[in-house]
Amino acid sequence: MLVDYLRHEAPGQAGFKVTGIALTPPGGTGRLTFHWEGANPRTDGGTYVHPVTG
């Protein structure tokens, strides 16, 4: 998977710090949870998860 997000860089506006991400694989019913620290995505959209194909 590829996670694509726009960084929150606007001073004076609320942001949030990510510590993990939970995803459900296509055709799956259970969530997979991953540790993901250091991301600071925007709160007004712009975050996408893309499948990796090969």
N, C-alpha and C. Protein backbone atom coordinates (compact mmCIF):
# COMPACT_ATOMS: atom_id res chain seq x y z
N MET A 1 0.83 -1.17 0.00
CA MET A 1 0.00 0.00 0.00
C MET A 1 0.87 1.22 0.00
N LEU A 2 0.34 2.28 -0.51
CA LEU A 2 1.01 3.56 -0.55
C LEU A 2 0.07 4.58 0.10
N VAL A 3 0.56 5.29 1.10
CA VAL A 3 -0.23 6.33 1.74
C VAL A 3 0.31 7.67 1.26
N ASP A 4 -0.57 8.45 0.70
CA ASP A 4 -0.22 9.74 0.13
C ASP A 4 -1.00 10.81 0.90
N TYR A 5 -0.30 11.77 1.48
CA TYR A 5 -1.01 12.80 2.23
C TYR A 5 -0.33 14.16 2.06
N LEU A 6 -1.13 15.20 2.25
CA LEU A 6 -0.62 16.56 2.22
C LEU A 6 -0.24 16.95 3.65
N ARG A 7 0.97 17.44 3.82
CA ARG A 7 1.45 17.83 5.14
C ARG A 7 0.76 19.08 5.66
N HIS A 8 0.47 19.07 6.95
CA HIS A 8 -0.11 20.24 7.61
C HIS A 8 1.02 21.21 7.90
N GLU A 9 1.00 22.35 7.24
CA GLU A 9 2.08 23.33 7.42
C GLU A 9 1.56 24.73 7.67
N ALA A 10 0.28 24.85 8.00
CA ALA A 10 -0.31 26.17 8.20
C ALA A 10 -0.17 26.61 9.66
N PRO A 11 0.63 27.61 9.94
CA PRO A 11 0.76 28.08 11.31
C PRO A 11 -0.55 28.65 11.83
N GLY A 12 -0.86 28.37 13.07
CA GLY A 12 -2.06 28.90 13.69
C GLY A 12 -3.31 28.09 13.43
N GLN A 13 -3.24 27.03 12.62
CA GLN A 13 -4.39 26.18 12.37
C GLN A 13 -4.19 24.84 13.05
N ALA A 14 -5.29 24.25 13.47
CA ALA A 14 -5.21 22.97 14.18
C ALA A 14 -4.70 21.87 13.27
N GLY A 15 -3.87 21.02 13.82
CA GLY A 15 -3.39 19.83 13.13
C GLY A 15 -3.44 18.67 14.09
N PHE A 16 -3.01 17.52 13.69
CA PHE A 16 -2.95 16.39 14.60
C PHE A 16 -1.76 15.53 14.24
N LYS A 17 -1.24 14.82 15.22
CA LYS A 17 -0.10 13.94 15.01
C LYS A 17 -0.60 12.50 14.91
N VAL A 18 -0.15 11.79 13.92
CA VAL A 18 -0.54 10.40 13.70
C VAL A 18 0.41 9.49 14.47
N THR A 19 -0.16 8.48 15.14
CA THR A 19 0.67 7.48 15.82
C THR A 19 0.45 6.09 15.26
N GLY A 20 -0.61 5.92 14.45
CA GLY A 20 -0.89 4.62 13.86
C GLY A 20 -1.91 4.75 12.75
N ILE A 21 -2.05 3.68 11.99
CA ILE A 21 -3.03 3.65 10.91
C ILE A 21 -3.67 2.26 10.89
N ALA A 22 -4.99 2.20 10.73
CA ALA A 22 -5.72 0.93 10.67
C ALA A 22 -6.37 0.83 9.29
N LEU A 23 -6.13 -0.28 8.62
CA LEU A 23 -6.65 -0.49 7.27
C LEU A 23 -7.33 -1.84 7.18
N THR A 24 -8.34 -1.93 6.33
CA THR A 24 -8.99 -3.20 6.02
C THR A 24 -8.63 -3.55 4.58
N PRO A 25 -7.95 -4.68 4.36
CA PRO A 25 -7.57 -5.06 3.00
C PRO A 25 -8.80 -5.34 2.13
N PRO A 26 -8.69 -5.16 0.82
CA PRO A 26 -9.81 -5.48 -0.07
C PRO A 26 -10.26 -6.92 0.12
N GLY A 27 -11.54 -7.12 0.26
CA GLY A 27 -12.09 -8.45 0.47
C GLY A 27 -11.95 -8.95 1.89
N GLY A 28 -11.32 -8.19 2.75
CA GLY A 28 -11.11 -8.59 4.14
C GLY A 28 -12.20 -8.07 5.05
N THR A 29 -12.25 -8.61 6.24
CA THR A 29 -13.23 -8.14 7.22
C THR A 29 -12.56 -7.62 8.48
N GLY A 30 -11.29 -7.93 8.67
CA GLY A 30 -10.58 -7.48 9.86
C GLY A 30 -9.61 -6.36 9.53
N ARG A 31 -9.38 -5.51 10.51
CA ARG A 31 -8.45 -4.41 10.33
C ARG A 31 -7.03 -4.84 10.63
N LEU A 32 -6.10 -4.29 9.89
CA LEU A 32 -4.68 -4.42 10.16
C LEU A 32 -4.21 -3.08 10.71
N THR A 33 -3.54 -3.10 11.85
CA THR A 33 -3.10 -1.87 12.48
C THR A 33 -1.58 -1.79 12.42
N PHE A 34 -1.07 -0.63 12.00
CA PHE A 34 0.36 -0.42 11.86
C PHE A 34 0.79 0.80 12.66
N HIS A 35 1.95 0.71 13.26
CA HIS A 35 2.56 1.86 13.94
C HIS A 35 3.04 2.82 12.86
N TRP A 36 2.67 4.07 12.96
CA TRP A 36 3.07 5.07 11.97
C TRP A 36 3.20 6.40 12.69
N GLU A 37 4.40 6.75 13.04
CA GLU A 37 4.62 7.95 13.82
C GLU A 37 5.35 8.99 12.99
N GLY A 38 5.07 10.24 13.25
CA GLY A 38 5.78 11.32 12.60
C GLY A 38 5.00 12.00 11.49
N ALA A 39 3.89 11.44 11.06
CA ALA A 39 3.09 12.08 10.02
C ALA A 39 2.28 13.22 10.63
N ASN A 40 2.05 14.23 9.87
CA ASN A 40 1.24 15.36 10.31
C ASN A 40 0.36 15.81 9.14
N PRO A 41 -0.68 15.00 8.82
CA PRO A 41 -1.51 15.32 7.66
C PRO A 41 -2.44 16.50 7.91
N ARG A 42 -2.88 17.10 6.83
CA ARG A 42 -3.86 18.18 6.92
C ARG A 42 -5.19 17.62 7.39
N THR A 43 -5.99 18.47 8.04
CA THR A 43 -7.28 18.04 8.54
C THR A 43 -8.41 18.29 7.54
N ASP A 44 -8.11 18.91 6.41
CA ASP A 44 -9.17 19.24 5.45
C ASP A 44 -9.12 18.36 4.21
N GLY A 45 -8.67 17.13 4.36
CA GLY A 45 -8.63 16.20 3.23
C GLY A 45 -7.25 16.11 2.63
N GLY A 46 -7.16 15.36 1.57
CA GLY A 46 -5.90 15.21 0.88
C GLY A 46 -5.09 14.00 1.30
N THR A 47 -5.72 13.06 2.03
CA THR A 47 -5.05 11.82 2.42
C THR A 47 -5.69 10.67 1.66
N TYR A 48 -4.85 9.87 0.99
CA TYR A 48 -5.34 8.77 0.17
C TYR A 48 -4.49 7.53 0.40
N VAL A 49 -5.12 6.37 0.35
CA VAL A 49 -4.42 5.09 0.44
C VAL A 49 -4.59 4.40 -0.91
N HIS A 50 -3.47 4.05 -1.53
CA HIS A 50 -3.48 3.41 -2.84
C HIS A 50 -3.00 1.98 -2.72
N PRO A 51 -3.60 1.04 -3.45
CA PRO A 51 -3.10 -0.34 -3.43
C PRO A 51 -1.78 -0.44 -4.19
N VAL A 52 -0.99 -1.38 -3.81
CA VAL A 52 0.25 -1.67 -4.53
C VAL A 52 0.00 -2.90 -5.37
N THR A 53 0.24 -2.79 -6.66
CA THR A 53 0.04 -3.92 -7.55
C THR A 53 1.37 -4.30 -8.15
N GLY A 54 1.49 -5.54 -8.51
CA GLY A 54 2.79 -5.93 -9.05
C GLY A 54 2.74 -7.01 -10.05
